[in-house]
PDB file of N, CA and C in Angstrom:
ATOM      1  N   MET A   1     -68.760-237.740  -3.104  1.00  0.00           N
ATOM      2  CA  MET A   1     -68.810-236.833  -4.256  1.00  0.00           C
ATOM      3  C   MET A   1     -69.767-235.725  -3.660  1.00  0.00           C
ATOM      4  N   ALA A   2     -69.383-234.420  -3.787  1.00  0.00           N
ATOM      5  CA  ALA A   2     -70.188-233.292  -3.400  1.00  0.00           C
ATOM      6  C   ALA A   2     -71.199-232.943  -4.435  1.00  0.00           C
ATOM      7  N   THR A   3     -72.406-232.567  -3.843  1.00  0.00           N
ATOM      8  CA  THR A   3     -73.512-232.519  -4.831  1.00  0.00           C
ATOM      9  C   THR A   3     -73.608-230.917  -5.171  1.00  0.00           C
ATOM     10  N   GLY A   4     -72.939-230.221  -4.365  1.00  0.00           N
ATOM     11  CA  GLY A   4     -73.008-228.657  -4.369  1.00  0.00           C
ATOM     12  C   GLY A   4     -74.129-228.161  -3.408  1.00  0.00           C
ATOM     13  N   ASP A   5     -74.878-229.021  -2.916  1.00  0.00           N
ATOM     14  CA  ASP A   5     -75.827-228.557  -1.819  1.00  0.00           C
ATOM     15  C   ASP A   5     -75.144-228.068  -0.485  1.00  0.00           C
ATOM     16  N   ASP A   6     -73.996-228.581  -0.083  1.00  0.00           N
ATOM     17  CA  ASP A   6     -73.357-228.201   1.071  1.00  0.00           C
ATOM     18  C   ASP A   6     -72.152-227.222   0.839  1.00  0.00           C
ATOM     19  N   GLU A   7     -72.062-226.786  -0.455  1.00  0.00           N
ATOM     20  CA  GLU A   7     -71.052-225.720  -0.518  1.00  0.00           C
ATOM     21  C   GLU A   7     -71.639-224.408  -0.304  1.00  0.00           C
ATOM     22  N   GLN A   8     -70.760-223.477   0.294  1.00  0.00           N
ATOM     23  CA  GLN A   8     -70.990-222.114   0.626  1.00  0.00           C
ATOM     24  C   GLN A   8     -70.741-221.335  -0.605  1.00  0.00           C
ATOM     25  N   PRO A   9     -71.432-220.175  -0.819  1.00  0.00           N
ATOM     26  CA  PRO A   9     -71.369-219.355  -2.059  1.00  0.00           C
ATOM     27  C   PRO A   9     -70.111-218.534  -1.766  1.00  0.00           C
ATOM     28  N   ASP A  10     -69.465-218.243  -2.627  1.00  0.00           N
ATOM     29  CA  ASP A  10     -68.224-217.271  -2.579  1.00  0.00           C
ATOM     30  C   ASP A  10     -68.698-215.834  -2.134  1.00  0.00           C
ATOM     31  N   PRO A  11     -67.808-215.353  -1.141  1.00  0.00           N
ATOM     32  CA  PRO A  11     -68.334-214.065  -0.661  1.00  0.00           C
ATOM     33  C   PRO A  11     -68.179-213.003  -1.958  1.00  0.00           C
ATOM     34  N   ALA A  12     -68.876-211.972  -1.878  1.00  0.00           N
ATOM     35  CA  ALA A  12     -68.926-210.960  -2.808  1.00  0.00           C
ATOM     36  C   ALA A  12     -67.428-210.439  -3.233  1.00  0.00           C
ATOM     37  N   PRO A  13     -67.090-210.287  -4.403  1.00  0.00           N
ATOM     38  CA  PRO A  13     -65.741-209.875  -4.859  1.00  0.00           C
ATOM     39  C   PRO A  13     -65.264-208.740  -4.013  1.00  0.00           C
ATOM     40  N   ASP A  14     -66.168-207.719  -3.815  1.00  0.00           N
ATOM     41  CA  ASP A  14     -65.705-206.482  -3.181  1.00  0.00           C
ATOM     42  C   ASP A  14     -65.540-206.712  -1.510  1.00  0.00           C
ATOM     43  N   ALA A  15     -66.201-207.632  -1.053  1.00  0.00           N
ATOM     44  CA  ALA A  15     -66.026-208.003   0.400  1.00  0.00           C
ATOM     45  C   ALA A  15     -64.601-208.376   0.711  1.00  0.00           C
ATOM     46  N   ALA A  16     -64.008-209.158  -0.056  1.00  0.00           N
ATOM     47  CA  ALA A  16     -62.843-209.764   0.249  1.00  0.00           C
ATOM     48  C   ALA A  16     -61.609-208.584   0.156  1.00  0.00           C
ATOM     49  N   LYS A  17     -61.854-207.486  -0.652  1.00  0.00           N
ATOM     50  CA  LYS A  17     -61.140-206.420  -0.769  1.00  0.00           C
ATOM     51  C   LYS A  17     -61.216-205.281   0.181  1.00  0.00           C
ATOM     52  N   THR A  18     -62.393-205.339   1.090  1.00  0.00           N
ATOM     53  CA  THR A  18     -62.630-204.384   1.914  1.00  0.00           C
ATOM     54  C   THR A  18     -61.797-204.445   3.272  1.00  0.00           C
ATOM     55  N   PRO A  19     -61.095-203.461   3.467  1.00  0.00           N
ATOM     56  CA  PRO A  19     -60.115-203.488   4.755  1.00  0.00           C
ATOM     57  C   PRO A  19     -61.041-203.740   6.069  1.00  0.00           C
ATOM     58  N   HIS A  20     -60.527-204.308   7.120  1.00  0.00           N
ATOM     59  CA  HIS A  20     -61.337-204.663   8.249  1.00  0.00           C
ATOM     60  C   HIS A  20     -61.752-203.502   8.984  1.00  0.00           C
ATOM     61  N   PHE A  21     -61.091-202.316   8.876  1.00  0.00           N
ATOM     62  CA  PHE A  21     -61.403-201.114   9.533  1.00  0.00           C
ATOM     63  C   PHE A  21     -62.546-200.314   8.844  1.00  0.00           C
ATOM     64  N   HIS A  22     -63.085-200.807   7.570  1.00  0.00           N
ATOM     65  CA  HIS A  22     -63.923-200.088   6.879  1.00  0.00           C
ATOM     66  C   HIS A  22     -65.229-200.090   7.653  1.00  0.00           C
ATOM     67  N   GLY A  23     -65.844-198.952   7.957  1.00  0.00           N
ATOM     68  CA  GLY A  23     -67.151-198.921   8.693  1.00  0.00           C
ATOM     69  C   GLY A  23     -67.005-198.885  10.300  1.00  0.00           C
ATOM     70  N   HIS A  24     -65.709-198.842  10.844  1.00  0.00           N
ATOM     71  CA  HIS A  24     -65.403-198.892  12.112  1.00  0.00           C
ATOM     72  C   HIS A  24     -66.079-197.723  12.911  1.00  0.00           C
ATOM     73  N   ARG A  25     -66.101-196.645  12.305  1.00  0.00           N
ATOM     74  CA  ARG A  25     -66.718-195.494  13.110  1.00  0.00           C
ATOM     75  C   ARG A  25     -68.087-195.655  13.251  1.00  0.00           C
ATOM     76  N   GLN A  26     -68.813-196.198  12.349  1.00  0.00           N
ATOM     77  CA  GLN A  26     -70.382-196.380  12.475  1.00  0.00           C
ATOM     78  C   GLN A  26     -70.638-197.490  13.300  1.00  0.00           C
ATOM     79  N   ARG A  27     -69.803-198.523  13.119  1.00  0.00           N
ATOM     80  CA  ARG A  27     -70.046-199.688  14.224  1.00  0.00           C
ATOM     81  C   ARG A  27     -69.869-199.289  15.651  1.00  0.00           C
ATOM     82  N   LEU A  28     -68.834-198.488  15.812  1.00  0.00           N
ATOM     83  CA  LEU A  28     -68.725-197.898  17.201  1.00  0.00           C
ATOM     84  C   LEU A  28     -69.750-197.095  17.653  1.00  0.00           C
ATOM     85  N   LYS A  29     -70.250-196.189  16.868  1.00  0.00           N
ATOM     86  CA  LYS A  29     -71.248-195.286  17.250  1.00  0.00           C
ATOM     87  C   LYS A  29     -72.657-196.210  17.539  1.00  0.00           C
ATOM     88  N   ASP A  30     -72.805-197.177  16.580  1.00  0.00           N
ATOM     89  CA  ASP A  30     -74.100-198.039  16.849  1.00  0.00           C
ATOM     90  C   ASP A  30     -73.822-198.778  18.154  1.00  0.00           C
ATOM     91  N   ARG A  31     -72.694-199.273  18.499  1.00  0.00           N
ATOM     92  CA  ARG A  31     -72.558-199.947  19.671  1.00  0.00           C
ATOM     93  C   ARG A  31     -72.819-198.991  21.040  1.00  0.00           C
ATOM     94  N   PHE A  32     -72.431-197.718  20.787  1.00  0.00           N
ATOM     95  CA  PHE A  32     -72.539-196.936  21.925  1.00  0.00           C
ATOM     96  C   PHE A  32     -74.100-196.644  22.016  1.00  0.00           C
ATOM     97  N   LEU A  33     -74.759-196.397  20.949  1.00  0.00           N
ATOM     98  CA  LEU A  33     -76.109-196.076  21.048  1.00  0.00           C
ATOM     99  C   LEU A  33     -76.808-197.254  21.566  1.00  0.00           C
ATOM    100  N   LYS A  34     -76.447-198.525  21.116  1.00  0.00           N
ATOM    101  CA  LYS A  34     -77.146-199.627  21.634  1.00  0.00           C
ATOM    102  C   LYS A  34     -76.982-199.964  22.965  1.00  0.00           C
ATOM    103  N   THR A  35     -75.693-199.952  23.497  1.00  0.00           N
ATOM    104  CA  THR A  35     -75.229-200.463  24.929  1.00  0.00           C
ATOM    105  C   THR A  35     -74.874-199.482  25.932  1.00  0.00           C
ATOM    106  N   GLY A  36     -74.580-198.232  25.412  1.00  0.00           N
ATOM    107  CA  GLY A  36     -74.271-197.179  26.160  1.00  0.00           C
ATOM    108  C   GLY A  36     -72.629-197.170  26.400  1.00  0.00           C
ATOM    109  N   GLY A  37     -72.284-196.096  27.051  1.00  0.00           N
ATOM    110  CA  GLY A  37     -70.822-195.851  27.354  1.00  0.00           C
ATOM    111  C   GLY A  37     -70.245-196.954  28.271  1.00  0.00           C
ATOM    112  N   ASP A  38     -71.025-197.437  29.177  1.00  0.00           N
ATOM    113  CA  ASP A  38     -70.512-198.398  30.242  1.00  0.00           C
ATOM    114  C   ASP A  38     -69.978-199.745  29.478  1.00  0.00           C
ATOM    115  N   GLN A  39     -70.447-199.868  28.404  1.00  0.00           N
ATOM    116  CA  GLN A  39     -69.977-201.157  27.637  1.00  0.00           C
ATOM    117  C   GLN A  39     -68.947-201.055  26.732  1.00  0.00           C
ATOM    118  N   LEU A  40     -68.396-199.891  26.695  1.00  0.00           N
ATOM    119  CA  LEU A  40     -67.152-199.548  25.860  1.00  0.00           C
ATOM    120  C   LEU A  40     -65.928-199.264  26.556  1.00  0.00           C
ATOM    121  N   ALA A  41     -64.802-199.695  26.033  1.00  0.00           N
ATOM    122  CA  ALA A  41     -63.538-199.464  26.610  1.00  0.00           C
ATOM    123  C   ALA A  41     -63.213-197.907  26.575  1.00  0.00           C
ATOM    124  N   ASP A  42     -62.424-197.466  27.585  1.00  0.00           N
ATOM    125  CA  ASP A  42     -62.044-196.071  27.532  1.00  0.00           C
ATOM    126  C   ASP A  42     -61.399-195.657  26.182  1.00  0.00           C
ATOM    127  N   TYR A  43     -60.670-196.395  25.572  1.00  0.00           N
ATOM    128  CA  TYR A  43     -60.134-195.843  24.352  1.00  0.00           C
ATOM    129  C   TYR A  43     -61.212-195.732  23.213  1.00  0.00           C
ATOM    130  N   GLU A  44     -62.268-196.567  23.421  1.00  0.00           N
ATOM    131  CA  GLU A  44     -63.340-196.522  22.410  1.00  0.00           C
ATOM    132  C   GLU A  44     -64.178-195.200  22.582  1.00  0.00           C
ATOM    133  N   LEU A  45     -64.340-194.820  23.858  1.00  0.00           N
ATOM    134  CA  LEU A  45     -65.085-193.566  24.297  1.00  0.00           C
ATOM    135  C   LEU A  45     -64.253-192.403  23.778  1.00  0.00           C
ATOM    136  N   LEU A  46     -63.006-192.427  23.857  1.00  0.00           N
ATOM    137  CA  LEU A  46     -61.953-191.331  23.367  1.00  0.00           C
ATOM    138  C   LEU A  46     -62.141-191.358  21.801  1.00  0.00           C
ATOM    139  N   GLU A  47     -62.207-192.464  21.251  1.00  0.00           N
ATOM    140  CA  GLU A  47     -62.377-192.385  19.720  1.00  0.00           C
ATOM    141  C   GLU A  47     -63.670-191.736  19.322  1.00  0.00           C
ATOM    142  N   LEU A  48     -64.709-192.032  20.075  1.00  0.00           N
ATOM    143  CA  LEU A  48     -65.868-191.259  19.652  1.00  0.00           C
ATOM    144  C   LEU A  48     -65.779-189.837  19.769  1.00  0.00           C
ATOM    145  N   LEU A  49     -65.029-189.296  20.792  1.00  0.00           N
ATOM    146  CA  LEU A  49     -64.806-187.889  20.837  1.00  0.00           C
ATOM    147  C   LEU A  49     -63.876-187.391  19.863  1.00  0.00           C
ATOM    148  N   LEU A  50     -62.833-188.160  19.573  1.00  0.00           N
ATOM    149  CA  LEU A  50     -61.810-187.677  18.639  1.00  0.00           C
ATOM    150  C   LEU A  50     -62.426-187.821  17.221  1.00  0.00           C
ATOM    151  N   PHE A  51     -63.361-188.555  16.851  1.00  0.00           N
ATOM    152  CA  PHE A  51     -63.800-188.624  15.473  1.00  0.00           C
ATOM    153  C   PHE A  51     -64.315-187.298  15.050  1.00  0.00           C
ATOM    154  N   GLN A  52     -64.929-186.428  15.996  1.00  0.00           N
ATOM    155  CA  GLN A  52     -65.474-185.070  15.722  1.00  0.00           C
ATOM    156  C   GLN A  52     -64.197-184.096  15.366  1.00  0.00           C
ATOM    157  N   ALA A  53     -63.094-184.340  16.095  1.00  0.00           N
ATOM    158  CA  ALA A  53     -61.973-183.340  15.887  1.00  0.00           C
ATOM    159  C   ALA A  53     -61.154-183.717  14.790  1.00  0.00           C
ATOM    160  N   LEU A  54     -61.004-185.005  14.499  1.00  0.00           N
ATOM    161  CA  LEU A  54     -60.124-185.472  13.403  1.00  0.00           C
ATOM    162  C   LEU A  54     -60.859-186.418  12.437  1.00  0.00           C
ATOM    163  N   PRO A  55     -61.773-185.857  11.652  1.00  0.00           N
ATOM    164  CA  PRO A  55     -62.686-186.670  10.918  1.00  0.00           C
ATOM    165  C   PRO A  55     -62.120-187.594   9.788  1.00  0.00           C
ATOM    166  N   ARG A  56     -60.930-187.517   9.320  1.00  0.00           N
ATOM    167  CA  ARG A  56     -60.340-188.369   8.406  1.00  0.00           C
ATOM    168  C   ARG A  56     -59.083-189.023   8.779  1.00  0.00           C
ATOM    169  N   ARG A  57     -58.996-189.397  10.090  1.00  0.00           N
ATOM    170  CA  ARG A  57     -57.717-189.998  10.577  1.00  0.00           C
ATOM    171  C   ARG A  57     -58.070-191.148  11.553  1.00  0.00           C
ATOM    172  N   ASP A  58     -57.316-192.160  11.441  1.00  0.00           N
ATOM    173  CA  ASP A  58     -57.450-193.236  12.384  1.00  0.00           C
ATOM    174  C   ASP A  58     -57.110-192.758  13.784  1.00  0.00           C
ATOM    175  N   VAL A  59     -58.148-192.614  14.519  1.00  0.00           N
ATOM    176  CA  VAL A  59     -57.859-192.048  16.033  1.00  0.00           C
ATOM    177  C   VAL A  59     -57.594-193.107  17.075  1.00  0.00           C
ATOM    178  N   LYS A  60     -57.777-194.458  16.685  1.00  0.00           N
ATOM    179  CA  LYS A  60     -57.514-195.467  17.716  1.00  0.00           C
ATOM    180  C   LYS A  60     -56.147-195.407  18.330  1.00  0.00           C
ATOM    181  N   PRO A  61     -55.113-195.242  17.631  1.00  0.00           N
ATOM    182  CA  PRO A  61     -53.638-195.239  18.276  1.00  0.00           C
ATOM    183  C   PRO A  61     -53.645-193.909  19.047  1.00  0.00           C
ATOM    184  N   LEU A  62     -54.131-192.848  18.578  1.00  0.00           N
ATOM    185  CA  LEU A  62     -54.143-191.670  19.494  1.00  0.00           C
ATOM    186  C   LEU A  62     -54.786-191.744  20.722  1.00  0.00           C
ATOM    187  N   ALA A  63     -56.009-192.353  20.713  1.00  0.00           N
ATOM    188  CA  ALA A  63     -56.703-192.576  21.957  1.00  0.00           C
ATOM    189  C   ALA A  63     -56.050-193.458  22.858  1.00  0.00           C
ATOM    190  N   LYS A  64     -55.322-194.466  22.390  1.00  0.00           N
ATOM    191  CA  LYS A  64     -54.580-195.325  23.396  1.00  0.00           C
ATOM    192  C   LYS A  64     -53.403-194.636  23.791  1.00  0.00           C
ATOM    193  N   ASP A  65     -52.604-193.957  23.075  1.00  0.00           N
ATOM    194  CA  ASP A  65     -51.559-193.025  23.564  1.00  0.00           C
ATOM    195  C   ASP A  65     -51.924-192.086  24.554  1.00  0.00           C
ATOM    196  N   LEU A  66     -53.121-191.466  24.297  1.00  0.00           N
ATOM    197  CA  LEU A  66     -53.586-190.377  25.380  1.00  0.00           C
ATOM    198  C   LEU A  66     -53.773-191.042  26.684  1.00  0.00           C
ATOM    199  N   LEU A  67     -54.395-192.287  26.636  1.00  0.00           N
ATOM    200  CA  LEU A  67     -54.822-193.033  27.823  1.00  0.00           C
ATOM    201  C   LEU A  67     -53.472-193.446  28.608  1.00  0.00           C
ATOM    202  N   ASP A  68     -52.385-194.031  27.874  1.00  0.00           N
ATOM    203  CA  ASP A  68     -51.229-194.360  28.401  1.00  0.00           C
ATOM    204  C   ASP A  68     -50.637-193.052  29.018  1.00  0.00           C
ATOM    205  N   ARG A  69     -50.660-191.918  28.551  1.00  0.00           N
ATOM    206  CA  ARG A  69     -50.048-190.658  29.044  1.00  0.00           C
ATOM    207  C   ARG A  69     -50.807-190.113  30.187  1.00  0.00           C
ATOM    208  N   PHE A  70     -52.190-190.219  30.148  1.00  0.00           N
ATOM    209  CA  PHE A  70     -52.893-189.607  31.192  1.00  0.00           C
ATOM    210  C   PHE A  70     -53.573-190.534  32.302  1.00  0.00           C
ATOM    211  N   GLY A  71     -53.507-191.854  31.893  1.00  0.00           N
ATOM    212  CA  GLY A  71     -53.891-192.980  32.949  1.00  0.00           C
ATOM    213  C   GLY A  71     -55.392-193.329  32.838  1.00  0.00           C
ATOM    214  N   SER A  72     -56.345-192.500  32.314  1.00  0.00           N
ATOM    215  CA  SER A  72     -57.740-192.795  32.319  1.00  0.00           C
ATOM    216  C   SER A  72     -58.479-191.894  31.342  1.00  0.00           C
ATOM    217  N   PHE A  73     -59.632-192.184  31.097  1.00  0.00           N
ATOM    218  CA  PHE A  73     -60.629-191.428  30.369  1.00  0.00           C
ATOM    219  C   PHE A  73     -60.688-190.049  31.063  1.00  0.00           C
ATOM    220  N   ALA A  74     -61.026-190.061  32.294  1.00  0.00           N
ATOM    221  CA  ALA A  74     -61.022-188.858  33.196  1.00  0.00           C
ATOM    222  C   ALA A  74     -59.720-188.026  33.011  1.00  0.00           C
ATOM    223  N   GLY A  75     -58.690-188.616  33.100  1.00  0.00           N
ATOM    224  CA  GLY A  75     -57.373-187.967  33.011  1.00  0.00           C
ATOM    225  C   GLY A  75     -57.221-187.226  31.825  1.00  0.00           C
ATOM    226  N   VAL A  76     -57.677-187.935  30.651  1.00  0.00           N
ATOM    227  CA  VAL A  76     -57.367-187.235  29.366  1.00  0.00           C
ATOM    228  C   VAL A  76     -58.407-185.991  29.236  1.00  0.00           C
ATOM    229  N   VAL A  77     -59.627-186.175  29.551  1.00  0.00           N
ATOM    230  CA  VAL A  77     -60.752-185.127  29.439  1.00  0.00           C
ATOM    231  C   VAL A  77     -60.536-183.970  30.361  1.00  0.00           C
ATOM    232  N   THR A  78     -59.791-184.121  31.435  1.00  0.00           N
ATOM    233  CA  THR A  78     -59.449-183.074  32.430  1.00  0.00           C
ATOM    234  C   THR A  78     -58.028-182.547  32.256  1.00  0.00           C
ATOM    235  N   ALA A  79     -57.284-183.072  31.269  1.00  0.00           N
ATOM    236  CA  ALA A  79     -56.101-182.483  31.265  1.00  0.00           C
ATOM    237  C   ALA A  79     -56.027-181.271  30.529  1.00  0.00           C
ATOM    238  N   GLU A  80     -55.054-180.384  30.979  1.00  0.00           N
ATOM    239  CA  GLU A  80     -54.929-178.939  30.342  1.00  0.00           C
ATOM    240  C   GLU A  80     -54.708-179.087  28.912  1.00  0.00           C
ATOM    241  N   ALA A  81     -55.173-178.307  28.061  1.00  0.00           N
ATOM    242  CA  ALA A  81     -55.083-178.498  26.510  1.00  0.00           C
ATOM    243  C   ALA A  81     -53.537-178.378  26.179  1.00  0.00           C
ATOM    244  N   SER A  82     -52.805-177.598  26.843  1.00  0.00           N
ATOM    245  CA  SER A  82     -51.410-177.451  26.602  1.00  0.00           C
ATOM    246  C   SER A  82     -50.556-178.771  26.755  1.00  0.00           C
ATOM    247  N   LEU A  83     -51.044-179.608  27.631  1.00  0.00           N
ATOM    248  CA  LEU A  83     -50.366-180.842  27.785  1.00  0.00           C
ATOM    249  C   LEU A  83     -50.717-181.920  26.853  1.00  0.00           C
ATOM    250  N   ILE A  84     -51.840-181.758  26.112  1.00  0.00           N
ATOM    251  CA  ILE A  84     -52.280-182.790  25.207  1.00  0.00           C
ATOM    252  C   ILE A  84     -51.565-182.473  23.793  1.00  0.00           C
ATOM    253  N   ARG A  85     -51.291-181.342  23.502  1.00  0.00           N
ATOM    254  CA  ARG A  85     -50.611-181.088  22.151  1.00  0.00           C
ATOM    255  C   ARG A  85     -49.273-181.792  22.013  1.00  0.00           C
TER     256      ARG A  85
END
């Protein structure tokens, strides 16, 4: 019979409704500041740049598409603007 001592409290009601991506930008910025760019994947570095250009959009798919298209972080940031559009 359970005494209640080993039971875990229910998560906060709002926590269960919060999407997994909520706070993603801040977590990524914090990781960058804590560990540096060498510890981030290329698409995450691109996300950090794209956050500034597209402030209210999910930029992860765009970052991954750009990497597929240009081959690397360096390829994306050195590509001619006309090729990125």
